[in-house]
Amino acid sequence: MIIGVCELELYIPEAESLKAKRSVLKSLLARLRNTFNVAAAEVDHQDLWQSAVIGVVTVTNSTVHANQMLSQVLNWIEDNYPQVMIIKQSMEIIT
């Protein structure tokens, strides 16, 4: 079993309130789950308006597949959510 973990720090400049931020994040996380069949959740900065940290996890039987999935997730976020900027990212593959 191979576990791919990605932690992303996001900046959402258009979010004027926690409600606006959560609206963007709720949509983003739901679409990630449905599109890529990954686990995704907000894991930090819940009380900051324009900042969020999300975690994305995939489980597979191949290190290459785990890397590909997490890279696709990053590219997809950049392509489909221009209002969200990825400030920091870290990936880890656990074998």
Protein backbone atom coordinates (compact mmCIF):
# COMPACT_ATOMS: atom_id res chain seq x y z
CA MET A 1 0.00 0.00 0.00
CA ILE A 2 1.34 3.42 -1.04
CA ILE A 3 -0.10 6.62 0.46
CA GLY A 4 0.40 9.95 -1.29
CA VAL A 5 -0.06 13.04 0.89
CA CYS A 6 -0.12 16.62 -0.31
CA GLU A 7 -0.50 19.69 1.92
CA LEU A 8 -1.32 22.96 0.16
CA GLU A 9 -1.32 26.44 1.64
CA LEU A 10 -3.78 28.55 -0.31
CA TYR A 11 -4.36 32.29 -0.61
CA ILE A 12 -7.85 33.44 -1.59
CA PRO A 13 -7.55 37.21 -2.18
CA GLU A 14 -11.21 37.73 -3.11
CA ALA A 15 -12.55 36.26 0.13
CA GLU A 16 -14.02 39.15 2.14
CA SER A 17 -15.31 36.93 4.96
CA LEU A 18 -15.12 33.42 6.36
CA LYS A 19 -18.39 32.68 4.59
CA ALA A 20 -16.89 33.64 1.21
CA LYS A 21 -13.76 31.60 1.90
CA ARG A 22 -15.75 28.53 2.93
CA SER A 23 -17.90 28.82 -0.18
CA VAL A 24 -14.81 28.57 -2.39
CA LEU A 25 -13.24 25.80 -0.30
CA LYS A 26 -16.43 23.74 -0.09
CA SER A 27 -16.73 23.74 -3.86
CA LEU A 28 -13.03 23.02 -4.38
CA LEU A 29 -12.91 20.12 -1.92
CA ALA A 30 -16.10 18.51 -3.25
CA ARG A 31 -14.91 18.71 -6.84
CA LEU A 32 -11.50 17.25 -5.89
CA ARG A 33 -13.20 14.30 -4.21
CA ASN A 34 -15.52 13.69 -7.15
CA THR A 35 -12.98 14.24 -9.93
CA PHE A 36 -9.99 12.38 -8.51
CA ASN A 37 -11.47 10.03 -5.88
CA VAL A 38 -9.12 11.42 -3.21
CA ALA A 39 -9.67 12.40 0.39
CA ALA A 40 -9.49 16.19 0.83
CA ALA A 41 -10.14 18.51 3.77
CA GLU A 42 -9.26 21.89 5.24
CA VAL A 43 -6.66 21.14 7.91
CA ASP A 44 -5.47 24.55 9.16
CA HIS A 45 -6.15 28.31 9.11
CA GLN A 46 -9.89 27.77 9.54
CA ASP A 47 -10.29 31.15 11.23
CA LEU A 48 -8.40 33.25 8.64
CA TRP A 49 -10.39 34.89 5.84
CA GLN A 50 -7.99 34.68 2.92
CA SER A 51 -5.78 31.78 3.92
CA ALA A 52 -6.39 28.05 4.06
CA VAL A 53 -4.40 24.85 4.33
CA ILE A 54 -5.87 21.76 2.70
CA GLY A 55 -4.72 18.18 2.77
CA VAL A 56 -5.19 15.77 -0.13
CA VAL A 57 -4.55 12.04 0.23
CA THR A 58 -4.59 9.17 -2.22
CA VAL A 59 -4.05 5.46 -1.62
CA THR A 60 -2.70 3.26 -4.40
CA ASN A 61 -0.36 0.37 -5.10
CA SER A 62 2.22 2.39 -7.06
CA THR A 63 4.53 5.25 -6.12
CA VAL A 64 4.42 6.53 -9.70
CA HIS A 65 0.61 6.57 -9.67
CA ALA A 66 0.53 8.44 -6.34
CA ASN A 67 2.91 11.10 -7.73
CA GLN A 68 0.86 11.41 -10.92
CA MET A 69 -2.41 11.79 -9.02
CA LEU A 70 -1.10 14.51 -6.72
CA SER A 71 0.49 16.37 -9.64
CA GLN A 72 -2.81 16.20 -11.53
CA VAL A 73 -4.60 17.61 -8.48
CA LEU A 74 -2.20 20.57 -8.35
CA ASN A 75 -2.57 21.28 -12.07
CA TRP A 76 -6.34 20.94 -11.87
CA ILE A 77 -6.60 23.44 -9.01
CA GLU A 78 -4.46 25.95 -10.93
CA ASP A 79 -6.55 25.48 -14.11
CA ASN A 80 -10.03 25.42 -12.56
CA TYR A 81 -9.72 27.80 -9.60
CA PRO A 82 -7.93 30.97 -10.76
CA GLN A 83 -9.23 32.78 -7.66
CA VAL A 84 -7.09 30.46 -5.49
CA MET A 85 -3.32 30.84 -5.37
CA ILE A 86 -1.12 27.99 -4.15
CA ILE A 87 1.41 29.64 -1.85
CA LYS A 88 3.18 26.55 -0.53
CA GLN A 89 3.00 22.86 -1.28
CA SER A 90 4.52 19.75 0.18
CA MET A 91 4.18 16.19 -1.04
CA GLU A 92 5.11 12.98 0.67
CA ILE A 93 4.87 9.38 -0.43
CA ILE A 94 4.53 6.88 2.40
CA THR A 95 5.36 3.27 1.60
